[in-house]
Amino acid sequence: MAKVACPYCYHRFPVGNLWFQCTGRPAPGRERCRKAVDPMRQRLTGYGAASWPVFEPRSRFRRPRKAECPDCGTPSGIRACPVCHTPLPASFADGDSPLIGVVGGKNAGKTVYTTVLVHELRNNIRRRFDADISFAGEQAGFGTAQWLERYEQALFGDQALFESTASSADGIRTPLVVQWRQPRVQLGRRVHRTTTLSFYDAAGEDMTTQEFVNSQAYLTSADGLIVLLDPFQLPGAADRIAVPDAGRRDAEPPINVLNRVTEMLRASTGLGDGRQVRTPIAVVFSKIDAFFRVLGDNHPLLRPPRAGAEYDEVVGQDTDEHLRALLAELGADDIDGHLRAHYRTFRYFAVSALGAEPDYGSKQIDPAGVRPFRVDEPLLWLLSHFRIIERSRA
C-alpha cells in the first residue's frame, strides 16, 4: 500500500491507516466527547490547545471516508494523522502532497525568504496560476499563521527586518501547511486538483551540528529541499562586494551546510557509495541584491522569466549555467563538485526576498519597500518536477 507523509509531523504511514477526529456533535442519546490536550500531538508538533479526541476506524475498508466515534457514536469525516493526531486537510491523500524543506546556514535569510514566498503565493502566484491558495486546517487561527502575520507586518508594513529564527531546542518547529487548488483540463474536461504543500523552516543554528541535522525528521521525509546559501560567505565575495558586518558574524562556508545535509540524507536512506541522492534540491543563493551593481543591468542573472502559468525552463537552465560560472569565479566551485557527486537532480537559483539591500545596521528595508526578485522560481521548479504545474520546453 502506498505511503503518505503527514504535513505536520513528517512521519510516513500507509494511506489506509488514517485515523479520524471526533466532530464534537454526539449521536442522539449519547454523551458528548470532551476536548483535552493531546500529549502525542503536543510532543510531536508543539500544539498545546485542547482538541477533540481522535480514534482508529473500525471499518474493514482500507480507505474509509467516514468512521463512527467509539465514545459518542457520531460519524466523522475529519481524517487525522495516526502518529501525531493532527487533523488533516479534507483532500489530503486524494492528490499529490509534496513536503518541502527550507534549510540553510545561519544568516542565510530563510525566514525572510519563507515569509516573502508565502506572501507571493497568496497574492501574485495565486493570480498567475488562477489557483486558490490558503492555509490548511487549524493554522488559520493558531501558531503558524500568527507568526507569519507578525513577520509580514514587519517586512511589508514596518519595512524592518526581524530577529533571526530562534533555535528549536526541543527539535520541534511548526511547519507551514498550505493548500494549492488549481483548475486543470483532463480528457477535455475542466477539473480542480488540490495539493497540500508543507514548508518547514529550520533555524540556522539548528543546522550547525551533524547531530542536530540528523535529528530533523522533516529532512528524511521531504520530497524536495530548498537550500538557501549565504553568498556573503563564498570565498571571493569580499573581493567583489562590501560584505556587511552582520554577514561576517558567525560566518560559515556554505559547503559545510551542504555536507551536513548530504551526510544525513545518505545515512537515513542507506545509500551505497555508488548511488546518488534522489531528492531534488533547489540550491538558492539569497541576497543576490548585493551583487546587482557588480553584475550590471544586462547580466543574464537579472533577466526575469516569463510570467505565464508555468515554470520557465529556458530561463531556469540559463540561470543555472551562469550561477555555476559565477561560483567558479568566486572560488566556490567545490559546491558544484559536491552537488554533482551526490545529487541526481539539482538546480541553482539567485533570489532576493527584499529586492534591494537593506540597512543591516538599523535593520531597515529600502524606502521603496519589499520588491521580491525571483523568489518563486525554486518552488515552481519543484512543483513542475512533481508535475503539479506545467514546465515550458527547453
Protein backbone atom coordinates (compact mmCIF):
# COMPACT_ATOMS: atom_id res chain seq x y z
CA MET A 1 0.00 0.00 0.00
CA ALA A 2 1.25 3.48 -0.90
CA LYS A 3 2.57 5.61 1.93
CA VAL A 4 1.91 9.28 2.62
CA ALA A 5 3.69 11.69 4.95
CA CYS A 6 1.89 13.83 7.49
CA PRO A 7 2.44 17.53 6.62
CA TYR A 8 2.68 18.37 10.35
CA CYS A 9 4.93 15.71 11.92
CA TYR A 10 6.52 14.39 8.69
CA HIS A 11 6.10 10.72 9.65
CA ARG A 12 5.16 8.36 6.82
CA PHE A 13 2.42 5.73 7.07
CA PRO A 14 0.21 3.64 4.73
CA VAL A 15 -2.64 5.73 3.32
CA GLY A 16 -5.14 3.17 4.61
CA ASN A 17 -4.04 3.79 8.21
CA LEU A 18 -5.57 7.26 8.56
CA TRP A 19 -7.40 7.95 11.82
CA PHE A 20 -10.38 10.26 12.38
CA GLN A 21 -11.19 13.10 14.77
CA CYS A 22 -14.50 13.41 16.59
CA THR A 23 -16.70 16.30 15.40
CA GLY A 24 -17.86 17.13 18.93
CA ARG A 25 -21.51 16.53 18.00
CA PRO A 26 -22.83 13.40 19.80
CA ALA A 27 -25.24 10.90 18.33
CA PRO A 28 -28.81 11.03 19.77
CA GLY A 29 -28.89 9.70 23.31
CA ARG A 30 -25.09 9.68 23.71
CA GLU A 31 -22.87 11.93 25.81
CA ARG A 32 -20.71 14.49 24.08
CA CYS A 33 -16.95 13.91 23.93
CA ARG A 34 -14.72 16.30 25.82
CA LYS A 35 -11.86 18.36 24.47
CA ALA A 36 -8.46 17.75 26.01
CA VAL A 37 -4.77 18.40 25.32
CA ASP A 38 -3.42 15.53 23.22
CA PRO A 39 0.02 14.68 24.67
CA MET A 40 1.20 12.98 21.46
CA ARG A 41 0.21 15.94 19.32
CA GLN A 42 1.86 18.32 21.75
CA ARG A 43 5.07 16.32 21.85
CA LEU A 44 5.40 15.93 18.08
CA THR A 45 4.07 19.27 16.82
CA GLY A 46 4.09 21.66 19.77
CA TYR A 47 0.29 22.17 19.57
CA GLY A 48 -0.86 22.59 23.19
CA ALA A 49 -4.50 23.65 22.85
CA ALA A 50 -7.36 21.33 23.79
CA SER A 51 -8.81 19.40 20.85
CA TRP A 52 -11.43 16.74 20.14
CA PRO A 53 -10.28 13.12 20.55
CA VAL A 54 -9.01 11.07 17.64
CA PHE A 55 -9.68 7.39 17.03
CA GLU A 56 -8.80 4.50 14.76
CA PRO A 57 -11.68 3.46 12.43
CA ARG A 58 -13.24 0.05 12.93
CA SER A 59 -14.20 -0.28 9.26
CA ARG A 60 -12.64 -3.09 7.28
CA PHE A 61 -12.41 -0.84 4.22
CA ARG A 62 -8.85 0.19 3.50
CA ARG A 63 -9.64 3.88 2.95
CA PRO A 64 -12.96 4.77 4.63
CA ARG A 65 -14.24 8.29 4.07
CA LYS A 66 -16.09 8.31 7.39
CA ALA A 67 -15.87 6.50 10.72
CA GLU A 68 -18.00 6.38 13.87
CA CYS A 69 -16.56 7.80 17.08
CA PRO A 70 -16.40 4.91 19.59
CA ASP A 71 -17.26 7.22 22.51
CA CYS A 72 -20.13 9.44 21.33
CA GLY A 73 -21.27 7.43 18.30
CA THR A 74 -21.25 10.32 15.81
CA PRO A 75 -19.87 9.66 12.30
CA SER A 76 -16.92 11.83 11.32
CA GLY A 77 -15.19 12.56 8.02
CA ILE A 78 -12.36 14.53 9.65
CA ARG A 79 -9.27 12.46 8.96
CA ALA A 80 -6.24 12.70 11.24
CA CYS A 81 -2.62 11.60 11.32
CA PRO A 82 -2.29 8.27 13.19
CA VAL A 83 1.09 9.38 14.56
CA CYS A 84 0.72 12.99 15.78
CA HIS A 85 -3.13 13.03 15.80
CA THR A 86 -3.34 16.35 13.91
CA PRO A 87 -6.49 16.81 11.77
CA LEU A 88 -5.57 16.69 8.10
CA PRO A 89 -6.92 18.76 5.19
CA ALA A 90 -10.09 17.28 3.67
CA SER A 91 -8.39 16.47 0.37
CA PHE A 92 -5.24 15.01 1.93
CA ALA A 93 -4.13 11.72 0.31
CA ASP A 94 -6.51 12.32 -2.63
CA GLY A 95 -3.75 14.04 -4.61
CA ASP A 96 -0.06 14.79 -4.56
CA SER A 97 1.11 16.43 -1.34
CA PRO A 98 4.85 17.07 -1.54
CA LEU A 99 6.69 18.05 1.60
CA ILE A 100 9.25 20.80 1.04
CA GLY A 101 12.01 21.62 3.50
CA VAL A 102 13.60 25.07 3.60
CA VAL A 103 17.09 24.77 5.08
CA GLY A 104 20.36 26.66 5.18
CA GLY A 105 23.04 28.06 7.40
CA LYS A 106 22.78 30.85 9.92
CA ASN A 107 22.13 34.31 8.41
CA ALA A 108 21.13 32.82 5.05
CA GLY A 109 17.79 34.67 5.30
CA LYS A 110 15.50 31.63 5.38
CA THR A 111 12.68 33.13 7.45
CA VAL A 112 12.63 36.35 5.42
CA TYR A 113 12.61 34.26 2.26
CA THR A 114 9.83 31.97 3.52
CA THR A 115 7.70 34.92 4.65
CA VAL A 116 8.02 36.67 1.29
CA LEU A 117 7.49 33.42 -0.65
CA VAL A 118 4.22 32.68 1.17
CA HIS A 119 3.13 36.29 0.68
CA GLU A 120 3.78 35.86 -3.05
CA LEU A 121 1.90 32.54 -3.04
CA ARG A 122 -1.19 34.14 -1.55
CA ASN A 123 -1.09 37.12 -3.90
CA ASN A 124 0.85 37.22 -7.20
CA ILE A 125 1.36 33.46 -7.71
CA ARG A 126 -2.27 32.77 -6.87
CA ARG A 127 -3.41 35.17 -9.59
CA ARG A 128 -0.78 33.99 -12.08
CA PHE A 129 -1.87 30.34 -11.86
CA ASP A 130 -5.59 31.01 -11.27
CA ALA A 131 -5.26 28.99 -8.07
CA ASP A 132 -6.94 29.04 -4.68
CA ILE A 133 -4.14 29.14 -2.09
CA SER A 134 -4.92 29.09 1.62
CA PHE A 135 -3.69 27.86 4.97
CA ALA A 136 -4.72 24.32 5.76
CA GLY A 137 -6.63 23.13 8.82
CA GLU A 138 -6.36 24.89 12.16
CA GLN A 139 -3.33 27.01 11.22
CA ALA A 140 -5.51 29.94 10.25
CA GLY A 141 -6.14 30.57 13.93
CA PHE A 142 -3.13 29.10 15.72
CA GLY A 143 0.63 29.31 15.79
CA THR A 144 2.00 29.37 12.28
CA ALA A 145 -0.42 31.86 10.75
CA GLN A 146 0.13 34.19 13.69
CA TRP A 147 3.93 34.29 13.42
CA LEU A 148 3.63 34.72 9.68
CA GLU A 149 1.28 37.65 10.20
CA ARG A 150 3.81 39.29 12.52
CA TYR A 151 6.65 38.78 10.06
CA GLU A 152 4.60 40.10 7.13
CA GLN A 153 3.71 43.21 9.16
CA ALA A 154 7.38 43.78 9.94
CA LEU A 155 8.51 43.45 6.32
CA PHE A 156 5.61 44.92 4.34
CA GLY A 157 4.17 47.30 6.96
CA ASP A 158 7.02 48.48 9.17
CA GLN A 159 9.68 47.94 6.48
CA ALA A 160 12.02 46.47 9.06
CA LEU A 161 13.97 43.23 9.43
CA PHE A 162 13.19 40.95 12.37
CA GLU A 163 15.49 38.92 14.58
CA SER A 164 16.87 35.55 13.45
CA THR A 165 14.69 32.49 13.96
CA ALA A 166 15.32 31.07 17.42
CA SER A 167 16.75 27.58 17.67
CA SER A 168 14.23 24.83 18.43
CA ALA A 169 15.96 23.30 21.43
CA ASP A 170 13.34 20.54 21.68
CA GLY A 171 13.64 19.70 17.99
CA ILE A 172 10.09 20.88 17.23
CA ARG A 173 9.11 23.62 14.80
CA THR A 174 5.63 24.06 13.39
CA PRO A 175 5.59 23.64 9.60
CA LEU A 176 3.62 25.97 7.35
CA VAL A 177 0.91 23.94 5.58
CA VAL A 178 -0.73 25.47 2.51
CA GLN A 179 -3.33 24.09 0.11
CA TRP A 180 -2.95 24.81 -3.62
CA ARG A 181 -6.16 24.18 -5.59
CA GLN A 182 -5.90 24.77 -9.32
CA PRO A 183 -8.12 24.05 -12.35
CA ARG A 184 -6.73 21.69 -14.97
CA VAL A 185 -8.06 20.21 -18.20
CA GLN A 186 -8.22 16.40 -18.23
CA LEU A 187 -9.76 14.46 -21.13
CA GLY A 188 -11.37 17.65 -22.38
CA ARG A 189 -12.99 18.44 -19.02
CA ARG A 190 -12.11 21.21 -16.57
CA VAL A 191 -11.37 19.68 -13.16
CA HIS A 192 -9.89 21.01 -9.93
CA ARG A 193 -6.96 19.37 -8.22
CA THR A 194 -5.80 20.13 -4.68
CA THR A 195 -2.23 19.79 -3.48
CA THR A 196 -1.12 20.13 0.12
CA LEU A 197 2.25 21.86 0.46
CA SER A 198 4.17 21.70 3.72
CA PHE A 199 7.13 24.02 4.35
CA TYR A 200 9.50 23.58 7.27
CA ASP A 201 11.85 26.44 8.15
CA ALA A 202 14.69 25.26 10.40
CA ALA A 203 16.70 27.86 12.28
CA GLY A 204 20.24 28.34 11.02
CA GLU A 205 21.58 27.48 14.47
CA ASP A 206 19.86 24.09 14.14
CA MET A 207 21.99 23.28 11.08
CA THR A 208 25.39 23.88 12.70
CA THR A 209 25.96 20.38 14.08
CA GLN A 210 25.65 17.00 12.41
CA GLU A 211 23.85 15.61 15.48
CA PHE A 212 21.01 18.12 15.23
CA VAL A 213 20.73 17.80 11.46
CA ASN A 214 20.38 14.04 11.89
CA SER A 215 17.51 14.56 14.36
CA GLN A 216 15.38 16.57 11.94
CA ALA A 217 12.66 14.15 10.78
CA TYR A 218 11.40 16.52 8.08
CA LEU A 219 14.67 16.24 6.13
CA THR A 220 14.35 12.48 5.69
CA SER A 221 10.66 12.75 4.72
CA ALA A 222 10.90 15.84 2.49
CA ASP A 223 10.09 15.25 -1.17
CA GLY A 224 12.12 18.29 -2.16
CA LEU A 225 14.54 20.68 -0.50
CA ILE A 226 15.10 24.41 -0.91
CA VAL A 227 18.60 25.02 0.46
CA LEU A 228 19.47 28.68 0.98
CA LEU A 229 23.15 29.57 0.92
CA ASP A 230 24.56 32.90 2.03
CA PRO A 231 26.54 34.40 -0.89
CA PHE A 232 28.39 36.65 1.59
CA GLN A 233 30.27 33.53 2.76
CA LEU A 234 31.54 32.50 -0.68
CA PRO A 235 35.37 32.69 -0.78
CA GLY A 236 35.66 35.51 -3.31
CA ALA A 237 32.61 37.54 -2.26
CA ALA A 238 34.54 40.05 -0.15
CA ASP A 239 36.68 40.91 -3.19
CA ARG A 240 33.61 41.80 -5.26
CA ILE A 241 31.13 43.35 -2.80
CA ALA A 242 31.11 45.15 0.54
CA VAL A 243 30.12 42.39 2.96
CA PRO A 244 28.20 43.96 5.90
CA ASP A 245 29.34 43.37 9.46
CA ALA A 246 26.20 41.29 10.04
CA GLY A 247 27.36 38.99 7.27
CA ARG A 248 30.73 38.43 8.93
CA ARG A 249 29.36 37.29 12.31
CA ASP A 250 29.14 33.53 12.85
CA ALA A 251 30.31 33.06 9.27
CA GLU A 252 30.40 29.51 7.96
CA PRO A 253 31.28 28.28 4.46
CA PRO A 254 28.13 27.16 2.59
CA ILE A 255 29.84 23.89 1.67
CA ASN A 256 29.75 22.91 5.37
CA VAL A 257 25.96 23.20 5.47
CA LEU A 258 25.66 21.14 2.29
CA ASN A 259 27.98 18.48 3.66
CA ARG A 260 25.87 18.00 6.80
CA VAL A 261 22.59 17.80 4.88
CA THR A 262 24.08 15.34 2.39
CA GLU A 263 25.55 13.16 5.12
CA MET A 264 22.16 12.93 6.83
CA LEU A 265 20.28 12.15 3.59
CA ARG A 266 22.71 9.44 2.59
CA ALA A 267 22.75 7.84 6.04
CA SER A 268 18.96 7.95 6.54
CA THR A 269 18.24 6.29 3.21
CA GLY A 270 21.12 3.82 3.41
CA LEU A 271 22.58 4.92 0.09
CA GLY A 272 25.57 2.96 -1.11
CA ASP A 273 28.69 4.78 -2.22
CA GLY A 274 27.88 4.30 -5.90
CA ARG A 275 24.41 5.87 -5.76
CA GLN A 276 23.19 9.48 -5.67
CA VAL A 277 20.51 11.15 -3.55
CA ARG A 278 17.21 11.14 -5.41
CA THR A 279 15.60 14.06 -3.51
CA PRO A 280 15.51 17.08 -5.86
CA ILE A 281 17.32 20.04 -4.35
CA ALA A 282 16.94 23.70 -5.25
CA VAL A 283 20.20 25.45 -4.33
CA VAL A 284 19.29 29.07 -3.72
CA PHE A 285 21.74 31.94 -3.34
CA SER A 286 19.87 34.52 -1.30
CA LYS A 287 20.63 38.25 -1.01
CA ILE A 288 21.65 38.40 -4.67
CA ASP A 289 20.72 42.10 -4.48
CA ALA A 290 24.20 42.70 -3.02
CA PHE A 291 25.64 41.70 -6.42
CA PHE A 292 23.29 43.77 -8.61
CA ARG A 293 25.80 46.61 -9.03
CA VAL A 294 28.69 44.23 -9.77
CA LEU A 295 26.76 42.16 -12.30
CA GLY A 296 25.36 45.12 -14.23
CA ASP A 297 21.85 45.73 -15.51
CA ASN A 298 22.19 43.48 -18.57
CA HIS A 299 23.56 40.39 -16.83
CA PRO A 300 21.51 37.24 -17.63
CA LEU A 301 21.02 36.55 -13.91
CA LEU A 302 18.97 39.73 -13.69
CA ARG A 303 16.68 38.71 -16.54
CA PRO A 304 13.31 37.64 -15.06
CA PRO A 305 11.40 34.66 -16.52
CA ARG A 306 8.16 34.94 -18.42
CA ALA A 307 5.07 35.50 -16.29
CA GLY A 308 2.94 32.68 -17.76
CA ALA A 309 1.21 29.94 -15.76
CA GLU A 310 4.18 27.55 -15.99
CA TYR A 311 7.79 27.21 -14.89
CA ASP A 312 10.13 28.82 -17.45
CA GLU A 313 12.62 26.03 -18.19
CA VAL A 314 14.65 28.10 -20.66
CA VAL A 315 15.41 30.88 -18.17
CA GLY A 316 15.89 28.27 -15.42
CA GLN A 317 18.61 26.46 -17.35
CA ASP A 318 20.27 29.73 -18.30
CA THR A 319 20.31 30.89 -14.67
CA ASP A 320 21.73 27.54 -13.57
CA GLU A 321 24.65 27.79 -16.00
CA HIS A 322 25.51 31.40 -15.17
CA LEU A 323 25.48 30.71 -11.44
CA ARG A 324 27.77 27.72 -11.97
CA ALA A 325 30.17 30.06 -13.79
CA LEU A 326 29.89 32.67 -11.02
CA LEU A 327 30.75 30.03 -8.41
CA ALA A 328 33.92 29.25 -10.34
CA GLU A 329 34.80 32.96 -10.49
CA LEU A 330 34.34 33.29 -6.71
CA GLY A 331 36.43 30.23 -5.93
CA ALA A 332 33.39 28.24 -4.77
CA ASP A 333 33.33 25.52 -7.41
CA ASP A 334 33.61 22.95 -4.59
CA ILE A 335 29.85 23.47 -4.13
CA ASP A 336 29.18 22.38 -7.70
CA GLY A 337 31.56 19.44 -7.36
CA HIS A 338 29.76 18.29 -4.20
CA LEU A 339 26.30 18.53 -5.77
CA ARG A 340 27.35 16.72 -8.94
CA ALA A 341 28.89 13.92 -6.89
CA HIS A 342 25.95 13.36 -4.53
CA TYR A 343 22.67 14.50 -6.15
CA ARG A 344 20.80 13.22 -9.16
CA THR A 345 18.62 16.33 -9.59
CA PHE A 346 19.59 19.85 -8.54
CA ARG A 347 19.43 23.39 -9.88
CA TYR A 348 20.86 26.78 -8.93
CA PHE A 349 18.74 29.87 -8.26
CA ALA A 350 19.51 33.50 -7.43
CA VAL A 351 16.88 35.37 -5.42
CA SER A 352 16.35 38.50 -3.39
CA ALA A 353 13.41 38.39 -0.99
CA LEU A 354 13.60 42.17 -0.44
CA GLY A 355 14.62 43.29 -3.94
CA ALA A 356 17.26 45.71 -2.67
CA GLU A 357 19.93 45.72 0.02
CA PRO A 358 18.61 46.68 3.46
CA ASP A 359 20.50 48.71 6.05
CA TYR A 360 21.76 45.80 8.14
CA GLY A 361 22.89 48.10 10.94
CA SER A 362 19.49 49.72 11.54
CA LYS A 363 17.56 46.70 10.19
CA GLN A 364 15.62 48.99 7.84
CA ILE A 365 14.42 47.90 4.40
CA ASP A 366 14.92 50.07 1.31
CA PRO A 367 12.47 53.03 1.33
CA ALA A 368 10.84 51.67 -1.84
CA GLY A 369 9.63 48.69 0.18
CA VAL A 370 9.76 44.94 -0.46
CA ARG A 371 10.16 44.08 -4.14
CA PRO A 372 10.61 40.29 -4.39
CA PHE A 373 13.09 39.20 -7.05
CA ARG A 374 12.62 35.67 -8.46
CA VAL A 375 11.70 34.20 -5.05
CA ASP A 376 9.05 31.93 -6.59
CA GLU A 377 11.32 30.08 -9.03
CA PRO A 378 12.77 27.42 -6.67
CA LEU A 379 9.27 26.39 -5.56
CA LEU A 380 7.86 26.46 -9.09
CA TRP A 381 10.75 24.32 -10.32
CA LEU A 382 10.00 21.72 -7.64
CA LEU A 383 6.26 21.85 -8.39
CA SER A 384 6.99 21.29 -12.07
CA HIS A 385 9.24 18.37 -11.11
CA PHE A 386 6.28 16.86 -9.21
CA ARG A 387 4.04 17.59 -12.26
CA ILE A 388 1.75 19.84 -10.23
CA ILE A 389 2.30 22.72 -12.68
CA GLU A 390 3.44 22.75 -16.28
CA ARG A 391 7.02 23.33 -17.37
CA SER A 392 7.93 25.10 -20.62
CA ARG A 393 10.09 23.17 -23.05
CA ALA A 394 13.78 23.97 -23.15
